[in-house]
Structure formats: structure tokens, C-alpha cells
Amino acid sequence: MSITISLRLPEEPFISLKEEPESFAGELRMLAAVKLFELGRLSSGRAAQLAGVTRVEFLMALGRYRVSPFALDAEKLAQDVTNA
């Protein structure tokens, strides 16, 4: 099952970014997933699902956003492994 969320965004940022809204949508999903993972709100597996990539791809992508996949305390790491 999937959920569709629609966002109304101004056109100007897309002009500045020189990106089409459709290609930006994938990046926006990844950014949201990375931030929610960084905040501890999603496990790496769930964040990968949100981003639309495999868990390995997600973990590899974290470096681009300067987020460590190992910035978890022992309890959160155990929970992440359980949720994977």
C-alpha cells in the first residue's frame, strides 16, 4: 500500500535549482528520509522505504548528507536491527 501526498510549492526554487519538479520529488523523499533517520524517528530500513531505495543504498547515501549511519546509541541500534 502506498499513500500519496500532494504539496503546493512555489515555482521559483525550481528555477533556481534548475530542476524539474518530478526529478526533485525523489530528492525530497530522500531528504525527508535522511532527516527522519537522523532524528531517530525512523529506522534505516523504514527510512529506505520512504526514500524508495534499498536499505544498503540508503545507508550508502547517508554520507552525501553528512549523516553517520552509526550515530545511534546501543538501544536505538538494537531497535534498528530488529526493525530491519
PDB file of N, CA and C in Angstrom:
ATOM      1  N   MET A   1       0.848  -1.169   0.000  1.00  0.00           N
ATOM      2  CA  MET A   1       0.000   0.000   0.000  1.00  0.00           C
ATOM      3  C   MET A   1       0.896   1.235   0.000  1.00  0.00           C
ATOM      4  N   SER A   2       0.462   2.237  -0.668  1.00  0.00           N
ATOM      5  CA  SER A   2       1.198   3.499  -0.642  1.00  0.00           C
ATOM      6  C   SER A   2       0.217   4.648  -0.451  1.00  0.00           C
ATOM      7  N   ILE A   3       0.756   5.754   0.026  1.00  0.00           N
ATOM      8  CA  ILE A   3      -0.032   6.960   0.290  1.00  0.00           C
ATOM      9  C   ILE A   3       0.510   8.060  -0.599  1.00  0.00           C
ATOM     10  N   THR A   4      -0.376   8.841  -1.166  1.00  0.00           N
ATOM     11  CA  THR A   4       0.026   9.977  -1.989  1.00  0.00           C
ATOM     12  C   THR A   4      -0.159  11.252  -1.193  1.00  0.00           C
ATOM     13  N   ILE A   5       0.893  12.068  -1.185  1.00  0.00           N
ATOM     14  CA  ILE A   5       0.847  13.365  -0.524  1.00  0.00           C
ATOM     15  C   ILE A   5       1.137  14.422  -1.581  1.00  0.00           C
ATOM     16  N   SER A   6       0.282  15.405  -1.680  1.00  0.00           N
ATOM     17  CA  SER A   6       0.482  16.499  -2.633  1.00  0.00           C
ATOM     18  C   SER A   6       0.968  17.737  -1.896  1.00  0.00           C
ATOM     19  N   LEU A   7       1.965  18.399  -2.469  1.00  0.00           N
ATOM     20  CA  LEU A   7       2.499  19.627  -1.886  1.00  0.00           C
ATOM     21  C   LEU A   7       2.384  20.758  -2.897  1.00  0.00           C
ATOM     22  N   ARG A   8       1.962  21.914  -2.427  1.00  0.00           N
ATOM     23  CA  ARG A   8       1.961  23.110  -3.264  1.00  0.00           C
ATOM     24  C   ARG A   8       3.247  23.842  -2.954  1.00  0.00           C
ATOM     25  N   LEU A   9       4.103  23.963  -3.941  1.00  0.00           N
ATOM     26  CA  LEU A   9       5.391  24.619  -3.774  1.00  0.00           C
ATOM     27  C   LEU A   9       5.522  25.754  -4.778  1.00  0.00           C
ATOM     28  N   PRO A  10       6.195  26.831  -4.390  1.00  0.00           N
ATOM     29  CA  PRO A  10       6.387  27.930  -5.347  1.00  0.00           C
ATOM     30  C   PRO A  10       7.317  27.491  -6.484  1.00  0.00           C
ATOM     31  N   GLU A  11       7.132  28.080  -7.628  1.00  0.00           N
ATOM     32  CA  GLU A  11       7.899  27.719  -8.819  1.00  0.00           C
ATOM     33  C   GLU A  11       9.349  28.209  -8.763  1.00  0.00           C
ATOM     34  N   GLU A  12       9.590  29.333  -8.099  1.00  0.00           N
ATOM     35  CA  GLU A  12      10.907  29.966  -8.107  1.00  0.00           C
ATOM     36  C   GLU A  12      12.059  29.074  -7.618  1.00  0.00           C
ATOM     37  N   PRO A  13      11.887  28.308  -6.540  1.00  0.00           N
ATOM     38  CA  PRO A  13      13.004  27.443  -6.121  1.00  0.00           C
ATOM     39  C   PRO A  13      13.418  26.447  -7.196  1.00  0.00           C
ATOM     40  N   PHE A  14      12.475  25.948  -7.978  1.00  0.00           N
ATOM     41  CA  PHE A  14      12.811  25.003  -9.042  1.00  0.00           C
ATOM     42  C   PHE A  14      13.595  25.679 -10.153  1.00  0.00           C
ATOM     43  N   ILE A  15      13.306  26.946 -10.399  1.00  0.00           N
ATOM     44  CA  ILE A  15      14.069  27.711 -11.386  1.00  0.00           C
ATOM     45  C   ILE A  15      15.500  27.883 -10.881  1.00  0.00           C
ATOM     46  N   SER A  16      15.650  28.249  -9.601  1.00  0.00           N
ATOM     47  CA  SER A  16      16.977  28.418  -9.024  1.00  0.00           C
ATOM     48  C   SER A  16      17.758  27.111  -9.008  1.00  0.00           C
ATOM     49  N   LEU A  17      17.092  26.022  -8.719  1.00  0.00           N
ATOM     50  CA  LEU A  17      17.747  24.710  -8.665  1.00  0.00           C
ATOM     51  C   LEU A  17      18.003  24.122 -10.048  1.00  0.00           C
ATOM     52  N   LYS A  18      17.352  24.689 -11.056  1.00  0.00           N
ATOM     53  CA  LYS A  18      17.450  24.180 -12.426  1.00  0.00           C
ATOM     54  C   LYS A  18      17.049  22.705 -12.482  1.00  0.00           C
ATOM     55  N   GLU A  19      15.973  22.392 -11.786  1.00  0.00           N
ATOM     56  CA  GLU A  19      15.446  21.027 -11.745  1.00  0.00           C
ATOM     57  C   GLU A  19      13.971  21.029 -12.080  1.00  0.00           C
ATOM     58  N   GLU A  20      13.554  19.932 -12.665  1.00  0.00           N
ATOM     59  CA  GLU A  20      12.135  19.730 -12.913  1.00  0.00           C
ATOM     60  C   GLU A  20      11.491  19.242 -11.612  1.00  0.00           C
ATOM     61  N   PRO A  21      10.265  19.631 -11.345  1.00  0.00           N
ATOM     62  CA  PRO A  21       9.595  19.186 -10.116  1.00  0.00           C
ATOM     63  C   PRO A  21       9.567  17.662  -9.969  1.00  0.00           C
ATOM     64  N   GLU A  22       9.430  16.945 -11.068  1.00  0.00           N
ATOM     65  CA  GLU A  22       9.358  15.484 -11.000  1.00  0.00           C
ATOM     66  C   GLU A  22      10.669  14.884 -10.503  1.00  0.00           C
ATOM     67  N   SER A  23      11.811  15.399 -10.980  1.00  0.00           N
ATOM     68  CA  SER A  23      13.090  14.859 -10.535  1.00  0.00           C
ATOM     69  C   SER A  23      13.388  15.286  -9.091  1.00  0.00           C
ATOM     70  N   PHE A  24      12.882  16.449  -8.713  1.00  0.00           N
ATOM     71  CA  PHE A  24      13.088  16.930  -7.354  1.00  0.00           C
ATOM     72  C   PHE A  24      12.305  16.098  -6.341  1.00  0.00           C
ATOM     73  N   ALA A  25      11.209  15.503  -6.762  1.00  0.00           N
ATOM     74  CA  ALA A  25      10.374  14.714  -5.852  1.00  0.00           C
ATOM     75  C   ALA A  25      11.169  13.568  -5.229  1.00  0.00           C
ATOM     76  N   GLY A  26      11.985  12.888  -6.019  1.00  0.00           N
ATOM     77  CA  GLY A  26      12.815  11.804  -5.489  1.00  0.00           C
ATOM     78  C   GLY A  26      13.831  12.311  -4.488  1.00  0.00           C
ATOM     79  N   GLU A  27      14.426  13.456  -4.789  1.00  0.00           N
ATOM     80  CA  GLU A  27      15.389  14.041  -3.862  1.00  0.00           C
ATOM     81  C   GLU A  27      14.703  14.471  -2.566  1.00  0.00           C
ATOM     82  N   LEU A  28      13.515  15.004  -2.671  1.00  0.00           N
ATOM     83  CA  LEU A  28      12.766  15.418  -1.496  1.00  0.00           C
ATOM     84  C   LEU A  28      12.431  14.220  -0.603  1.00  0.00           C
ATOM     85  N   ARG A  29      12.079  13.093  -1.223  1.00  0.00           N
ATOM     86  CA  ARG A  29      11.820  11.866  -0.454  1.00  0.00           C
ATOM     87  C   ARG A  29      13.076  11.433   0.293  1.00  0.00           C
ATOM     88  N   MET A  30      14.227  11.488  -0.387  1.00  0.00           N
ATOM     89  CA  MET A  30      15.480  11.086   0.255  1.00  0.00           C
ATOM     90  C   MET A  30      15.826  12.044   1.391  1.00  0.00           C
ATOM     91  N   LEU A  31      15.682  13.333   1.162  1.00  0.00           N
ATOM     92  CA  LEU A  31      15.979  14.313   2.208  1.00  0.00           C
ATOM     93  C   LEU A  31      15.102  14.103   3.440  1.00  0.00           C
ATOM     94  N   ALA A  32      13.835  13.859   3.227  1.00  0.00           N
ATOM     95  CA  ALA A  32      12.926  13.614   4.352  1.00  0.00           C
ATOM     96  C   ALA A  32      13.330  12.345   5.092  1.00  0.00           C
ATOM     97  N   ALA A  33      13.662  11.307   4.354  1.00  0.00           N
ATOM     98  CA  ALA A  33      14.060  10.041   4.966  1.00  0.00           C
ATOM     99  C   ALA A  33      15.334  10.196   5.779  1.00  0.00           C
ATOM    100  N   VAL A  34      16.313  10.906   5.229  1.00  0.00           N
ATOM    101  CA  VAL A  34      17.584  11.116   5.931  1.00  0.00           C
ATOM    102  C   VAL A  34      17.352  11.890   7.220  1.00  0.00           C
ATOM    103  N   LYS A  35      16.570  12.937   7.152  1.00  0.00           N
ATOM    104  CA  LYS A  35      16.337  13.757   8.346  1.00  0.00           C
ATOM    105  C   LYS A  35      15.568  12.976   9.407  1.00  0.00           C
ATOM    106  N   LEU A  36      14.561  12.239   9.005  1.00  0.00           N
ATOM    107  CA  LEU A  36      13.793  11.448   9.971  1.00  0.00           C
ATOM    108  C   LEU A  36      14.665  10.357  10.592  1.00  0.00           C
ATOM    109  N   PHE A  37      15.571   9.784   9.820  1.00  0.00           N
ATOM    110  CA  PHE A  37      16.530   8.817  10.359  1.00  0.00           C
ATOM    111  C   PHE A  37      17.472   9.505  11.339  1.00  0.00           C
ATOM    112  N   GLU A  38      17.985  10.666  10.943  1.00  0.00           N
ATOM    113  CA  GLU A  38      18.920  11.412  11.787  1.00  0.00           C
ATOM    114  C   GLU A  38      18.284  11.788  13.127  1.00  0.00           C
ATOM    115  N   LEU A  39      17.012  12.130  13.101  1.00  0.00           N
ATOM    116  CA  LEU A  39      16.287  12.495  14.321  1.00  0.00           C
ATOM    117  C   LEU A  39      15.872  11.278  15.150  1.00  0.00           C
ATOM    118  N   GLY A  40      16.097  10.092  14.601  1.00  0.00           N
ATOM    119  CA  GLY A  40      15.732   8.879  15.315  1.00  0.00           C
ATOM    120  C   GLY A  40      14.270   8.521  15.215  1.00  0.00           C
ATOM    121  N   ARG A  41      13.574   9.129  14.290  1.00  0.00           N
ATOM    122  CA  ARG A  41      12.142   8.865  14.154  1.00  0.00           C
ATOM    123  C   ARG A  41      11.860   7.667  13.259  1.00  0.00           C
ATOM    124  N   LEU A  42      12.827   7.313  12.386  1.00  0.00           N
ATOM    125  CA  LEU A  42      12.685   6.139  11.528  1.00  0.00           C
ATOM    126  C   LEU A  42      13.947   5.304  11.608  1.00  0.00           C
ATOM    127  N   SER A  43      13.784   3.989  11.541  1.00  0.00           N
ATOM    128  CA  SER A  43      14.939   3.101  11.427  1.00  0.00           C
ATOM    129  C   SER A  43      15.511   3.258  10.020  1.00  0.00           C
ATOM    130  N   SER A  44      16.690   2.737   9.795  1.00  0.00           N
ATOM    131  CA  SER A  44      17.276   2.835   8.461  1.00  0.00           C
ATOM    132  C   SER A  44      16.441   2.072   7.435  1.00  0.00           C
ATOM    133  N   GLY A  45      15.850   0.967   7.847  1.00  0.00           N
ATOM    134  CA  GLY A  45      15.013   0.204   6.928  1.00  0.00           C
ATOM    135  C   GLY A  45      13.766   0.961   6.517  1.00  0.00           C
ATOM    136  N   ARG A  46      13.105   1.572   7.485  1.00  0.00           N
ATOM    137  CA  ARG A  46      11.890   2.351   7.187  1.00  0.00           C
ATOM    138  C   ARG A  46      12.237   3.623   6.410  1.00  0.00           C
ATOM    139  N   ALA A  47      13.360   4.238   6.752  1.00  0.00           N
ATOM    140  CA  ALA A  47      13.785   5.427   6.015  1.00  0.00           C
ATOM    141  C   ALA A  47      14.079   5.067   4.566  1.00  0.00           C
ATOM    142  N   ALA A  48      14.698   3.921   4.350  1.00  0.00           N
ATOM    143  CA  ALA A  48      14.970   3.471   2.980  1.00  0.00           C
ATOM    144  C   ALA A  48      13.671   3.282   2.208  1.00  0.00           C
ATOM    145  N   GLN A  49      12.662   2.695   2.868  1.00  0.00           N
ATOM    146  CA  GLN A  49      11.356   2.541   2.219  1.00  0.00           C
ATOM    147  C   GLN A  49      10.790   3.899   1.825  1.00  0.00           C
ATOM    148  N   LEU A  50      10.876   4.869   2.729  1.00  0.00           N
ATOM    149  CA  LEU A  50      10.368   6.214   2.438  1.00  0.00           C
ATOM    150  C   LEU A  50      11.112   6.824   1.256  1.00  0.00           C
ATOM    151  N   ALA A  51      12.414   6.610   1.206  1.00  0.00           N
ATOM    152  CA  ALA A  51      13.231   7.170   0.122  1.00  0.00           C
ATOM    153  C   ALA A  51      13.043   6.422  -1.195  1.00  0.00           C
ATOM    154  N   GLY A  52      12.495   5.208  -1.125  1.00  0.00           N
ATOM    155  CA  GLY A  52      12.282   4.424  -2.338  1.00  0.00           C
ATOM    156  C   GLY A  52      13.536   3.717  -2.820  1.00  0.00           C
ATOM    157  N   VAL A  53      14.437   3.389  -1.882  1.00  0.00           N
ATOM    158  CA  VAL A  53      15.686   2.697  -2.226  1.00  0.00           C
ATOM    159  C   VAL A  53      15.858   1.517  -1.264  1.00  0.00           C
ATOM    160  N   THR A  54      16.849   0.671  -1.554  1.00  0.00           N
ATOM    161  CA  THR A  54      17.136  -0.422  -0.639  1.00  0.00           C
ATOM    162  C   THR A  54      17.816   0.135   0.605  1.00  0.00           C
ATOM    163  N   ARG A  55      17.840  -0.680   1.653  1.00  0.00           N
ATOM    164  CA  ARG A  55      18.483  -0.255   2.903  1.00  0.00           C
ATOM    165  C   ARG A  55      19.967   0.013   2.673  1.00  0.00           C
ATOM    166  N   VAL A  56      20.627  -0.833   1.904  1.00  0.00           N
ATOM    167  CA  VAL A  56      22.049  -0.638   1.617  1.00  0.00           C
ATOM    168  C   VAL A  56      22.266   0.669   0.862  1.00  0.00           C
ATOM    169  N   GLU A  57      21.432   0.941  -0.136  1.00  0.00           N
ATOM    170  CA  GLU A  57      21.551   2.201  -0.889  1.00  0.00           C
ATOM    171  C   GLU A  57      21.340   3.396   0.033  1.00  0.00           C
ATOM    172  N   PHE A  58      20.383   3.277   0.934  1.00  0.00           N
ATOM    173  CA  PHE A  58      20.117   4.370   1.870  1.00  0.00           C
ATOM    174  C   PHE A  58      21.317   4.608   2.774  1.00  0.00           C
ATOM    175  N   LEU A  59      21.842   3.542   3.360  1.00  0.00           N
ATOM    176  CA  LEU A  59      22.996   3.680   4.250  1.00  0.00           C
ATOM    177  C   LEU A  59      24.196   4.266   3.517  1.00  0.00           C
ATOM    178  N   MET A  60      24.387   3.869   2.269  1.00  0.00           N
ATOM    179  CA  MET A  60      25.494   4.414   1.468  1.00  0.00           C
ATOM    180  C   MET A  60      25.263   5.900   1.161  1.00  0.00           C
ATOM    181  N   ALA A  61      24.013   6.303   0.984  1.00  0.00           N
ATOM    182  CA  ALA A  61      23.691   7.692   0.650  1.00  0.00           C
ATOM    183  C   ALA A  61      23.858   8.637   1.828  1.00  0.00           C
ATOM    184  N   LEU A  62      23.830   8.128   3.048  1.00  0.00           N
ATOM    185  CA  LEU A  62      23.910   8.998   4.229  1.00  0.00           C
ATOM    186  C   LEU A  62      25.156   9.879   4.212  1.00  0.00           C
ATOM    187  N   GLY A  63      26.253   9.380   3.694  1.00  0.00           N
ATOM    188  CA  GLY A  63      27.486  10.160   3.642  1.00  0.00           C
ATOM    189  C   GLY A  63      27.341  11.441   2.835  1.00  0.00           C
ATOM    190  N   ARG A  64      26.544  11.397   1.770  1.00  0.00           N
ATOM    191  CA  ARG A  64      26.312  12.604   0.953  1.00  0.00           C
ATOM    192  C   ARG A  64      25.650  13.709   1.760  1.00  0.00           C
ATOM    193  N   TYR A  65      24.918  13.323   2.791  1.00  0.00           N
ATOM    194  CA  TYR A  65      24.193  14.284   3.618  1.00  0.00           C
ATOM    195  C   TYR A  65      24.875  14.515   4.963  1.00  0.00           C
ATOM    196  N   ARG A  66      26.089  13.954   5.090  1.00  0.00           N
ATOM    197  CA  ARG A  66      26.898  14.103   6.308  1.00  0.00           C
ATOM    198  C   ARG A  66      26.171  13.599   7.548  1.00  0.00           C
ATOM    199  N   VAL A  67      25.492  12.486   7.375  1.00  0.00           N
ATOM    200  CA  VAL A  67      24.804  11.821   8.474  1.00  0.00           C
ATOM    201  C   VAL A  67      25.447  10.453   8.647  1.00  0.00           C
ATOM    202  N   SER A  68      25.864  10.156   9.851  1.00  0.00           N
ATOM    203  CA  SER A  68      26.511   8.879  10.118  1.00  0.00           C
ATOM    204  C   SER A  68      25.470   7.790  10.336  1.00  0.00           C
ATOM    205  N   PRO A  69      25.674   6.638   9.719  1.00  0.00           N
ATOM    206  CA  PRO A  69      24.766   5.530   9.991  1.00  0.00           C
ATOM    207  C   PRO A  69      25.023   4.921  11.367  1.00  0.00           C
ATOM    208  N   PHE A  70      26.107   5.326  12.012  1.00  0.00           N
ATOM    209  CA  PHE A  70      26.493   4.765  13.300  1.00  0.00           C
ATOM    210  C   PHE A  70      26.224   5.713  14.461  1.00  0.00           C
ATOM    211  N   ALA A  71      25.484   6.779  14.245  1.00  0.00           N
ATOM    212  CA  ALA A  71      25.221   7.763  15.291  1.00  0.00           C
ATOM    213  C   ALA A  71      24.054   7.329  16.173  1.00  0.00           C
ATOM    214  N   LEU A  72      23.975   6.050  16.444  1.00  0.00           N
ATOM    215  CA  LEU A  72      22.890   5.528  17.258  1.00  0.00           C
ATOM    216  C   LEU A  72      23.439   5.045  18.585  1.00  0.00           C
ATOM    217  N   ASP A  73      22.665   5.230  19.651  1.00  0.00           N
ATOM    218  CA  ASP A  73      23.069   4.622  20.906  1.00  0.00           C
ATOM    219  C   ASP A  73      22.727   3.132  20.841  1.00  0.00           C
ATOM    220  N   ALA A  74      23.165   2.367  21.820  1.00  0.00           N
ATOM    221  CA  ALA A  74      23.010   0.914  21.791  1.00  0.00           C
ATOM    222  C   ALA A  74      21.542   0.498  21.676  1.00  0.00           C
ATOM    223  N   GLU A  75      20.673   1.188  22.393  1.00  0.00           N
ATOM    224  CA  GLU A  75      19.251   0.837  22.358  1.00  0.00           C
ATOM    225  C   GLU A  75      18.650   1.076  20.979  1.00  0.00           C
ATOM    226  N   LYS A  76      18.960   2.228  20.381  1.00  0.00           N
ATOM    227  CA  LYS A  76      18.421   2.537  19.057  1.00  0.00           C
ATOM    228  C   LYS A  76      19.007   1.623  17.992  1.00  0.00           C
ATOM    229  N   LEU A  77      20.272   1.268  18.137  1.00  0.00           N
ATOM    230  CA  LEU A  77      20.904   0.359  17.191  1.00  0.00           C
ATOM    231  C   LEU A  77      20.225  -1.007  17.250  1.00  0.00           C
ATOM    232  N   ALA A  78      19.953  -1.499  18.445  1.00  0.00           N
ATOM    233  CA  ALA A  78      19.259  -2.785  18.603  1.00  0.00           C
ATOM    234  C   ALA A  78      17.858  -2.727  17.999  1.00  0.00           C
ATOM    235  N   GLN A  79      17.166  -1.609  18.213  1.00  0.00           N
ATOM    236  CA  GLN A  79      15.827  -1.437  17.645  1.00  0.00           C
ATOM    237  C   GLN A  79      15.902  -1.400  16.125  1.00  0.00           C
ATOM    238  N   ASP A  80      16.907  -0.717  15.583  1.00  0.00           N
ATOM    239  CA  ASP A  80      17.077  -0.624  14.135  1.00  0.00           C
ATOM    240  C   ASP A  80      17.297  -2.009  13.542  1.00  0.00           C
ATOM    241  N   VAL A  81      18.123  -2.807  14.189  1.00  0.00           N
ATOM    242  CA  VAL A  81      18.387  -4.165  13.700  1.00  0.00           C
ATOM    243  C   VAL A  81      17.115  -5.004  13.756  1.00  0.00           C
ATOM    244  N   THR A  82      16.333  -4.846  14.819  1.00  0.00           N
ATOM    245  CA  THR A  82      15.076  -5.591  14.953  1.00  0.00           C
ATOM    246  C   THR A  82      14.092  -5.197  13.863  1.00  0.00           C
ATOM    247  N   ASN A  83      14.041  -3.914  13.510  1.00  0.00           N
ATOM    248  CA  ASN A  83      13.091  -3.408  12.519  1.00  0.00           C
ATOM    249  C   ASN A  83      13.523  -3.684  11.081  1.00  0.00           C
ATOM    250  N   ALA A  84      14.772  -4.042  10.875  1.00  0.00           N
ATOM    251  CA  ALA A  84      15.291  -4.223   9.500  1.00  0.00           C
ATOM    252  C   ALA A  84      14.673  -5.417   8.822  1.00  0.00           C
TER     253      ALA A  84
END
